[in-house]
Amino acid sequence: MSSYNRYRPSVYFLNPVLLFRFLFLCLALGLYAVSGSPTPDNPSWVEGLIAVSLFVFVMPFFMRRIFVQGFQDYPLWHLSLWALFVYGLTLPLVAGLYRGADTIFILRDVIGFIFLCLPLFLYDALKEKPNVGDPASFAPAFFLTALLGVAFVFALRVLWPDLPIFSGTVELLYLANSPLVMMGGLYLCMLSALYLYQKLTLKSVLCALSCLLVALIFWMAMAQDVQRAPFVALGLSIILLGVIGMVRAPRRMVGPVLFGSLLTVLIVYAGFDILEKIIHKTTHMGLNMRLQELMAIWEVLSVSWVGLLFGQGWGASFASPAVGNLYVTYSHSLLSYMFFKTGLIGLALTCLFLFEIGKQLFRLFCRNPVLANALFWALIIPVFFYASYKSLDFGLLLTLILLLVGSSRRNKDKVT
């Protein structure tokens, strides 16, 4: 296993400014994991402290990027996201205010949109080089580990919400819907197989079991909410990575296949129970009427070319068939949501940014299929099926993808 074994975190401790900044990042992620909510209905001091901590972390280097370095060396994903950010904070905001949308709904949409644009602020701050050494390996490894830690705490909060360390709330937190939880479950499952694929020894078996035990926490949390998409993603991931393993080195697949077969026998009862719940949900709820939801959005926007081009603006609502024709301010897909709120212009800019993200993921997949696969599903499911794209998690996930690809291109090494 290669990973970031050559990083030198000591260089951060030799630079007190960077150490100070990273302490604020750790504070923000720690508070978010233990007491935060991906999409809070009633933000409290916790969300305020998280925002202040992130601001302290990113602002010095964001300002330097704007006023000193400029735009000359920006990659295409950065330019497309900048265009989307500027557009999203102007015309859709004016449209929402003009149409008389509720101020609270406008604010929630704008905050969710800022989360989507989080790589603009976090990416430069995380890849900033200290005065001593080269942090190209440290920052991605640190950020990946930190986000897996956040996801793990989220899963614990779903399974054991009454633990004293977690602050109680009456809100529906949707923690199991977090893209980070899905990423953690997929990554650790496939990583356990990778240990056995690389070398079949007692140490690799113990590492595989350790990863799998932690992964079960993630999957138990997702199963409690009877989520279907992550389990479909798990099945497809097993097939895809299994085929890649068979093509590259068939003999090495003996360990993962035997391990997976034994695991299947041991958890068959739990598997049937989960499958029964998924079948029951599908029978009674279908596929949550995603297509009908898109058609409802089209009916609203197609009334005028202005609405079609610029959208209904932040805070706008529509009668969604996916929730019994109740008026809601969101849809179950990032693409349909951006189409409804920001029109064809905002949708085009969003698609351009996501296309660039997809290119970055493909580059990462060529070097590290296991991690890239987990990131792919955590990205693609909110884009098409879940409304978790409005959460802080989604912006953190986008930043992680870009950071990992940038590091892997510099190091020419795998990130496992």
Protein backbone atom coordinates (compact mmCIF):
# COMPACT_ATOMS: atom_id res chain seq x y z
CA MET A 1 0.00 0.00 0.00
CA SER A 2 1.59 3.24 -1.14
CA SER A 3 -0.44 6.15 0.22
CA TYR A 4 1.17 9.33 1.47
CA ASN A 5 3.89 7.60 3.40
CA ARG A 6 6.50 10.19 2.37
CA TYR A 7 4.74 13.25 3.72
CA ARG A 8 6.41 15.34 6.35
CA PRO A 9 3.79 16.86 8.65
CA SER A 10 6.54 18.36 10.77
CA VAL A 11 6.91 21.18 8.24
CA TYR A 12 3.53 22.47 9.37
CA PHE A 13 4.67 22.64 12.95
CA LEU A 14 7.74 24.59 11.86
CA ASN A 15 5.41 27.26 10.47
CA PRO A 16 3.29 28.70 13.32
CA VAL A 17 0.95 30.55 10.92
CA LEU A 18 0.03 27.38 9.06
CA LEU A 19 -0.28 25.45 12.32
CA PHE A 20 -2.64 28.14 13.64
CA ARG A 21 -4.76 27.95 10.49
CA PHE A 22 -4.97 24.16 10.50
CA LEU A 23 -6.07 24.18 14.12
CA PHE A 24 -9.06 26.26 13.04
CA LEU A 25 -9.81 23.80 10.24
CA CYS A 26 -9.69 20.94 12.75
CA LEU A 27 -12.01 22.89 15.06
CA ALA A 28 -14.52 23.45 12.25
CA LEU A 29 -14.54 19.79 11.16
CA GLY A 30 -14.66 18.53 14.74
CA LEU A 31 -17.63 20.71 15.66
CA TYR A 32 -19.37 19.76 12.43
CA ALA A 33 -18.89 16.06 13.12
CA VAL A 34 -20.03 16.07 16.74
CA SER A 35 -22.72 18.75 16.84
CA GLY A 36 -23.32 20.08 13.34
CA SER A 37 -26.02 19.43 10.78
CA PRO A 38 -25.51 19.17 6.99
CA THR A 39 -28.61 21.33 6.33
CA PRO A 40 -29.74 22.93 9.63
CA ASP A 41 -33.28 24.32 9.81
CA ASN A 42 -32.38 26.49 12.78
CA PRO A 43 -28.65 27.36 12.76
CA SER A 44 -27.15 27.79 16.23
CA TRP A 45 -23.87 28.95 17.71
CA VAL A 46 -22.33 25.69 16.45
CA GLU A 47 -22.89 26.60 12.81
CA GLY A 48 -21.69 30.13 13.53
CA LEU A 49 -18.44 28.89 15.08
CA ILE A 50 -17.91 26.48 12.19
CA ALA A 51 -18.31 29.35 9.72
CA VAL A 52 -15.91 31.60 11.65
CA SER A 53 -13.32 28.81 11.90
CA LEU A 54 -13.46 28.12 8.17
CA PHE A 55 -13.25 31.84 7.47
CA VAL A 56 -10.07 32.16 9.55
CA PHE A 57 -8.60 29.14 7.74
CA VAL A 58 -9.22 30.25 4.15
CA MET A 59 -9.42 34.03 4.06
CA PRO A 60 -5.70 35.04 4.10
CA PHE A 61 -4.89 32.83 1.12
CA PHE A 62 -8.13 33.58 -0.69
CA MET A 63 -7.35 37.28 -0.53
CA ARG A 64 -3.79 36.68 -1.71
CA ARG A 65 -5.13 34.67 -4.64
CA ILE A 66 -7.49 37.46 -5.66
CA PHE A 67 -5.29 40.54 -5.18
CA VAL A 68 -1.73 39.22 -5.65
CA GLN A 69 -1.62 36.10 -7.81
CA GLY A 70 -4.64 36.89 -9.97
CA PHE A 71 -6.36 34.60 -12.47
CA GLN A 72 -3.52 33.86 -14.85
CA ASP A 73 -2.84 30.30 -13.74
CA TYR A 74 -6.38 29.18 -12.94
CA PRO A 75 -7.40 25.76 -14.30
CA LEU A 76 -10.66 25.46 -16.22
CA TRP A 77 -12.58 24.03 -13.27
CA HIS A 78 -11.61 27.10 -11.23
CA LEU A 79 -12.72 29.53 -13.93
CA SER A 80 -16.02 27.72 -14.52
CA LEU A 81 -16.76 27.66 -10.79
CA TRP A 82 -15.88 31.35 -10.50
CA ALA A 83 -18.32 32.13 -13.30
CA LEU A 84 -21.01 30.08 -11.59
CA PHE A 85 -20.30 31.73 -8.23
CA VAL A 86 -20.58 35.27 -9.61
CA TYR A 87 -23.69 34.43 -11.60
CA GLY A 88 -25.35 32.63 -8.68
CA LEU A 89 -24.91 35.60 -6.34
CA THR A 90 -26.37 38.09 -8.80
CA LEU A 91 -29.22 37.24 -11.17
CA PRO A 92 -30.81 34.31 -9.23
CA LEU A 93 -30.62 36.40 -6.06
CA VAL A 94 -32.29 39.37 -7.76
CA ALA A 95 -34.91 37.06 -9.29
CA GLY A 96 -35.75 35.55 -5.92
CA LEU A 97 -36.15 38.96 -4.30
CA TYR A 98 -38.18 40.27 -7.26
CA ARG A 99 -40.59 37.32 -7.12
CA GLY A 100 -41.12 37.85 -3.40
CA ALA A 101 -39.64 34.59 -2.15
CA ASP A 102 -39.39 34.10 1.59
CA THR A 103 -36.14 35.57 2.94
CA ILE A 104 -35.40 32.44 4.96
CA PHE A 105 -35.73 30.24 1.86
CA ILE A 106 -33.51 32.60 -0.13
CA LEU A 107 -30.87 32.52 2.60
CA ARG A 108 -30.92 28.73 2.78
CA ASP A 109 -30.54 28.43 -0.98
CA VAL A 110 -27.67 30.92 -1.04
CA ILE A 111 -25.84 29.12 1.79
CA GLY A 112 -26.28 25.78 -0.01
CA PHE A 113 -24.94 27.39 -3.19
CA ILE A 114 -21.88 28.71 -1.32
CA PHE A 115 -21.26 25.16 -0.07
CA LEU A 116 -21.27 24.02 -3.70
CA CYS A 117 -18.63 26.64 -4.50
CA LEU A 118 -16.48 25.77 -1.47
CA PRO A 119 -13.48 24.57 -3.58
CA LEU A 120 -12.94 28.19 -4.61
CA PHE A 121 -11.95 28.95 -1.04
CA LEU A 122 -10.64 25.70 0.44
CA TYR A 123 -8.52 24.37 -2.41
CA ASP A 124 -5.90 27.10 -2.42
CA ALA A 125 -5.70 27.18 1.35
CA LEU A 126 -5.15 23.42 1.59
CA LYS A 127 -2.47 23.24 -1.08
CA GLU A 128 -0.57 26.25 0.27
CA LYS A 129 3.11 25.39 0.69
CA PRO A 130 4.87 26.17 3.97
CA ASN A 131 8.26 27.79 4.03
CA VAL A 132 10.00 24.50 4.83
CA GLY A 133 9.58 21.22 2.99
CA ASP A 134 6.92 20.11 0.54
CA PRO A 135 3.35 19.56 1.79
CA ALA A 136 2.11 18.10 -1.51
CA SER A 137 1.57 14.76 0.20
CA PHE A 138 0.48 15.94 3.62
CA ALA A 139 -2.55 18.14 2.87
CA PRO A 140 -4.53 15.58 0.78
CA ALA A 141 -3.81 12.77 3.26
CA PHE A 142 -4.81 14.98 6.16
CA PHE A 143 -8.01 16.15 4.48
CA LEU A 144 -9.03 12.64 3.41
CA THR A 145 -8.47 11.30 6.92
CA ALA A 146 -10.34 14.22 8.48
CA LEU A 147 -13.38 13.75 6.23
CA LEU A 148 -13.45 10.01 6.90
CA GLY A 149 -13.43 10.91 10.60
CA VAL A 150 -16.37 13.28 10.12
CA ALA A 151 -18.26 10.56 8.24
CA PHE A 152 -17.56 8.01 10.98
CA VAL A 153 -18.89 10.32 13.70
CA PHE A 154 -21.99 10.98 11.55
CA ALA A 155 -22.59 7.23 11.36
CA LEU A 156 -22.23 6.92 15.13
CA ARG A 157 -24.75 9.74 15.61
CA VAL A 158 -27.24 7.85 13.44
CA LEU A 159 -26.80 4.56 15.29
CA TRP A 160 -26.35 5.88 18.84
CA PRO A 161 -27.79 9.43 18.97
CA ASP A 162 -28.13 9.40 22.77
CA LEU A 163 -24.42 9.23 23.51
CA PRO A 164 -23.49 12.10 25.89
CA ILE A 165 -20.89 13.53 23.50
CA PHE A 166 -23.56 14.33 20.90
CA SER A 167 -25.79 17.35 21.39
CA GLY A 168 -29.47 16.51 21.15
CA THR A 169 -31.72 18.10 18.55
CA VAL A 170 -35.31 17.72 17.37
CA GLU A 171 -34.36 18.42 13.73
CA LEU A 172 -34.18 15.73 11.08
CA LEU A 173 -30.45 15.74 10.46
CA TYR A 174 -30.27 13.31 7.49
CA LEU A 175 -26.75 12.37 8.59
CA ALA A 176 -26.90 8.98 6.87
CA ASN A 177 -27.58 10.79 3.58
CA SER A 178 -24.22 12.52 3.78
CA PRO A 179 -22.03 11.95 0.72
CA LEU A 180 -19.13 11.53 3.13
CA VAL A 181 -20.80 8.57 4.85
CA MET A 182 -21.35 6.91 1.48
CA MET A 183 -17.76 7.60 0.47
CA GLY A 184 -16.44 6.14 3.72
CA GLY A 185 -18.51 2.98 3.46
CA LEU A 186 -17.50 2.31 -0.14
CA TYR A 187 -13.85 3.23 0.30
CA LEU A 188 -13.21 1.11 3.38
CA CYS A 189 -15.03 -1.90 1.92
CA MET A 190 -12.97 -1.81 -1.24
CA LEU A 191 -9.81 -0.99 0.71
CA SER A 192 -10.24 -4.16 2.76
CA ALA A 193 -10.32 -6.16 -0.48
CA LEU A 194 -7.30 -4.24 -1.77
CA TYR A 195 -5.24 -5.30 1.24
CA LEU A 196 -5.88 -8.93 0.38
CA TYR A 197 -5.33 -8.30 -3.31
CA GLN A 198 -1.90 -6.77 -2.77
CA LYS A 199 -0.58 -9.40 -0.38
CA LEU A 200 -2.16 -12.34 1.39
CA THR A 201 -0.49 -12.36 4.81
CA LEU A 202 -1.64 -12.29 8.41
CA LYS A 203 -0.99 -8.55 8.53
CA SER A 204 -3.06 -7.88 5.40
CA VAL A 205 -5.91 -10.04 6.75
CA LEU A 206 -5.93 -8.10 10.02
CA CYS A 207 -5.87 -4.77 8.14
CA ALA A 208 -8.71 -5.95 5.92
CA LEU A 209 -10.79 -7.00 8.92
CA SER A 210 -10.13 -3.67 10.64
CA CYS A 211 -11.27 -1.70 7.59
CA LEU A 212 -14.31 -3.91 7.19
CA LEU A 213 -15.40 -3.54 10.81
CA VAL A 214 -15.28 0.24 10.51
CA ALA A 215 -17.07 0.08 7.15
CA LEU A 216 -19.91 -1.90 8.74
CA ILE A 217 -20.63 1.10 10.97
CA PHE A 218 -21.19 3.21 7.86
CA TRP A 219 -23.40 0.60 6.19
CA MET A 220 -25.47 0.03 9.33
CA ALA A 221 -26.17 3.78 9.44
CA MET A 222 -27.21 3.86 5.78
CA ALA A 223 -29.31 0.71 6.18
CA GLN A 224 -31.15 2.28 9.12
CA ASP A 225 -32.46 4.96 6.75
CA VAL A 226 -33.20 2.27 4.10
CA GLN A 227 -31.14 3.98 1.43
CA ARG A 228 -31.09 2.14 -1.87
CA ALA A 229 -28.57 3.99 -4.03
CA PRO A 230 -25.50 3.27 -1.82
CA PHE A 231 -26.20 -0.47 -1.87
CA VAL A 232 -26.59 -0.42 -5.64
CA ALA A 233 -23.31 1.49 -5.80
CA LEU A 234 -21.65 -1.14 -3.59
CA GLY A 235 -22.77 -3.97 -5.85
CA LEU A 236 -21.60 -2.20 -8.99
CA SER A 237 -18.31 -1.30 -7.33
CA ILE A 238 -17.64 -4.93 -6.45
CA ILE A 239 -18.27 -5.95 -10.06
CA LEU A 240 -16.19 -3.13 -11.58
CA LEU A 241 -13.17 -3.43 -9.30
CA GLY A 242 -13.40 -7.21 -9.38
CA VAL A 243 -13.17 -7.17 -13.19
CA ILE A 244 -10.20 -4.76 -13.04
CA GLY A 245 -8.48 -7.05 -10.53
CA MET A 246 -9.09 -10.13 -12.68
CA VAL A 247 -7.68 -8.41 -15.76
CA ARG A 248 -4.59 -7.07 -14.00
CA ALA A 249 -3.65 -10.06 -11.83
CA PRO A 250 -6.13 -12.98 -11.67
CA ARG A 251 -4.12 -14.92 -9.09
CA ARG A 252 -4.24 -12.06 -6.63
CA MET A 253 -8.05 -12.20 -6.66
CA VAL A 254 -8.05 -15.47 -4.69
CA GLY A 255 -7.81 -13.67 -1.35
CA PRO A 256 -10.55 -11.08 -1.98
CA VAL A 257 -12.90 -13.71 -3.46
CA LEU A 258 -12.49 -16.12 -0.54
CA PHE A 259 -12.79 -13.32 1.98
CA GLY A 260 -15.87 -11.92 0.28
CA SER A 261 -17.51 -15.36 0.08
CA LEU A 262 -16.95 -15.98 3.79
CA LEU A 263 -18.31 -12.55 4.64
CA THR A 264 -21.39 -13.16 2.51
CA VAL A 265 -22.17 -16.37 4.39
CA LEU A 266 -21.70 -14.68 7.77
CA ILE A 267 -24.00 -11.70 7.07
CA VAL A 268 -26.59 -13.42 4.87
CA TYR A 269 -29.31 -12.93 7.47
CA ALA A 270 -28.63 -9.21 7.81
CA GLY A 271 -28.37 -8.97 4.04
CA PHE A 272 -31.80 -10.52 3.55
CA ASP A 273 -33.25 -8.17 6.15
CA ILE A 274 -31.82 -5.12 4.36
CA LEU A 275 -32.96 -6.45 1.00
CA GLU A 276 -36.48 -6.99 2.35
CA LYS A 277 -36.63 -3.38 3.58
CA ILE A 278 -35.37 -2.06 0.24
CA ILE A 279 -37.93 -4.12 -1.70
CA HIS A 280 -40.69 -2.94 0.62
CA LYS A 281 -39.67 0.70 0.14
CA THR A 282 -39.45 0.32 -3.62
CA THR A 283 -42.83 -1.41 -3.78
CA HIS A 284 -44.60 1.31 -1.82
CA MET A 285 -42.64 4.38 -2.99
CA GLY A 286 -41.30 3.39 -6.40
CA LEU A 287 -38.27 5.36 -7.55
CA ASN A 288 -39.44 8.56 -5.84
CA MET A 289 -40.78 10.01 -9.10
CA ARG A 290 -37.56 11.71 -10.19
CA LEU A 291 -38.70 12.03 -13.81
CA GLN A 292 -42.09 13.44 -12.80
CA GLU A 293 -40.29 15.94 -10.59
CA LEU A 294 -38.23 17.12 -13.56
CA MET A 295 -41.39 17.45 -15.67
CA ALA A 296 -43.00 19.58 -12.94
CA ILE A 297 -39.98 21.90 -12.99
CA TRP A 298 -40.16 22.11 -16.78
CA GLU A 299 -43.83 23.10 -16.63
CA VAL A 300 -42.97 26.00 -14.34
CA LEU A 301 -39.99 27.24 -16.35
CA SER A 302 -41.42 26.79 -19.83
CA VAL A 303 -44.10 29.41 -19.23
CA SER A 304 -41.70 32.16 -20.36
CA TRP A 305 -38.30 32.35 -22.02
CA VAL A 306 -37.05 34.57 -19.18
CA GLY A 307 -37.77 31.89 -16.60
CA LEU A 308 -36.28 29.22 -18.86
CA LEU A 309 -33.08 31.18 -19.36
CA PHE A 310 -32.55 32.62 -15.87
CA GLY A 311 -34.66 30.37 -13.63
CA GLN A 312 -37.04 31.22 -10.82
CA GLY A 313 -34.32 32.50 -8.48
CA TRP A 314 -33.24 31.51 -4.98
CA GLY A 315 -36.08 30.77 -2.58
CA ALA A 316 -38.52 29.73 -5.32
CA SER A 317 -40.75 26.70 -4.73
CA PHE A 318 -42.80 24.31 -6.85
CA ALA A 319 -45.33 21.51 -6.34
CA SER A 320 -43.17 18.38 -6.34
CA PRO A 321 -44.75 14.99 -7.25
CA ALA A 322 -41.93 13.33 -5.27
CA VAL A 323 -43.45 14.60 -1.98
CA GLY A 324 -47.17 14.39 -2.75
CA ASN A 325 -47.35 17.68 -4.69
CA LEU A 326 -46.36 19.73 -1.68
CA TYR A 327 -44.55 22.98 -2.41
CA VAL A 328 -40.83 22.58 -1.75
CA THR A 329 -37.75 24.67 -2.45
CA TYR A 330 -35.51 21.79 -3.55
CA SER A 331 -35.43 18.86 -5.96
CA HIS A 332 -33.75 15.47 -5.67
CA SER A 333 -31.08 16.26 -8.24
CA LEU A 334 -28.46 18.98 -8.34
CA LEU A 335 -29.01 19.41 -12.08
CA SER A 336 -32.80 19.87 -11.89
CA TYR A 337 -32.35 22.11 -8.83
CA MET A 338 -29.90 24.41 -10.63
CA PHE A 339 -32.13 24.39 -13.72
CA PHE A 340 -35.13 25.48 -11.64
CA LYS A 341 -33.30 28.12 -9.60
CA THR A 342 -30.78 29.50 -12.10
CA GLY A 343 -32.15 28.54 -15.52
CA LEU A 344 -30.29 27.26 -18.54
CA ILE A 345 -27.37 29.62 -17.92
CA GLY A 346 -26.75 28.35 -14.39
CA LEU A 347 -27.30 24.75 -15.51
CA ALA A 348 -24.72 25.13 -18.30
CA LEU A 349 -22.13 26.55 -15.89
CA THR A 350 -22.87 23.78 -13.38
CA CYS A 351 -22.48 21.10 -16.06
CA LEU A 352 -19.17 22.62 -17.19
CA PHE A 353 -17.82 22.51 -13.64
CA LEU A 354 -19.06 18.94 -13.08
CA PHE A 355 -17.52 17.89 -16.39
CA GLU A 356 -14.16 19.21 -15.18
CA ILE A 357 -14.63 17.36 -11.88
CA GLY A 358 -15.37 14.20 -13.87
CA LYS A 359 -12.12 14.61 -15.80
CA GLN A 360 -10.23 14.95 -12.53
CA LEU A 361 -11.87 11.79 -11.20
CA PHE A 362 -10.96 9.86 -14.33
CA ARG A 363 -7.31 10.86 -13.87
CA LEU A 364 -7.46 9.69 -10.26
CA PHE A 365 -9.15 6.43 -11.31
CA CYS A 366 -6.21 5.61 -13.57
CA ARG A 367 -3.90 5.79 -10.55
CA ASN A 368 -6.16 4.64 -7.72
CA PRO A 369 -9.41 2.91 -8.76
CA VAL A 370 -10.44 2.13 -5.18
CA LEU A 371 -10.52 5.71 -3.90
CA ALA A 372 -11.76 7.19 -7.20
CA ASN A 373 -14.65 4.71 -7.26
CA ALA A 374 -15.80 5.74 -3.79
CA LEU A 375 -15.55 9.43 -4.67
CA PHE A 376 -17.40 8.89 -7.95
CA TRP A 377 -20.50 7.40 -6.31
CA ALA A 378 -20.48 9.96 -3.50
CA LEU A 379 -20.49 12.64 -6.21
CA ILE A 380 -22.85 11.19 -8.80
CA ILE A 381 -25.69 10.15 -6.49
CA PRO A 382 -26.32 13.68 -5.13
CA VAL A 383 -26.00 15.05 -8.66
CA PHE A 384 -28.84 12.83 -9.92
CA PHE A 385 -30.77 11.23 -7.04
CA TYR A 386 -30.36 12.79 -3.56
CA ALA A 387 -30.76 16.34 -2.28
CA SER A 388 -27.57 16.16 -0.21
CA TYR A 389 -25.84 18.52 -2.67
CA LYS A 390 -27.00 21.47 -0.51
CA SER A 391 -24.89 20.34 2.44
CA LEU A 392 -21.43 21.36 3.59
CA ASP A 393 -20.40 17.74 2.97
CA PHE A 394 -20.80 18.11 -0.78
CA GLY A 395 -18.47 21.10 -0.98
CA LEU A 396 -15.92 19.28 1.17
CA LEU A 397 -16.18 16.27 -1.13
CA LEU A 398 -15.59 18.38 -4.26
CA THR A 399 -12.55 19.97 -2.62
CA LEU A 400 -11.18 16.55 -1.68
CA ILE A 401 -11.48 15.29 -5.27
CA LEU A 402 -9.58 18.26 -6.67
CA LEU A 403 -6.95 18.12 -3.94
CA LEU A 404 -6.28 14.39 -4.40
CA VAL A 405 -5.95 14.68 -8.16
CA GLY A 406 -3.58 17.63 -7.88
CA SER A 407 -1.41 15.72 -5.43
CA SER A 408 -1.42 12.48 -7.42
CA ARG A 409 -0.34 14.36 -10.54
CA ARG A 410 2.56 15.93 -8.63
CA ASN A 411 3.69 12.73 -6.95
CA LYS A 412 2.88 10.27 -9.75
CA ASP A 413 1.74 7.90 -7.05
CA LYS A 414 -1.37 6.17 -5.81
CA VAL A 415 -3.49 7.59 -3.02
CA THR A 416 -4.62 4.61 -1.06
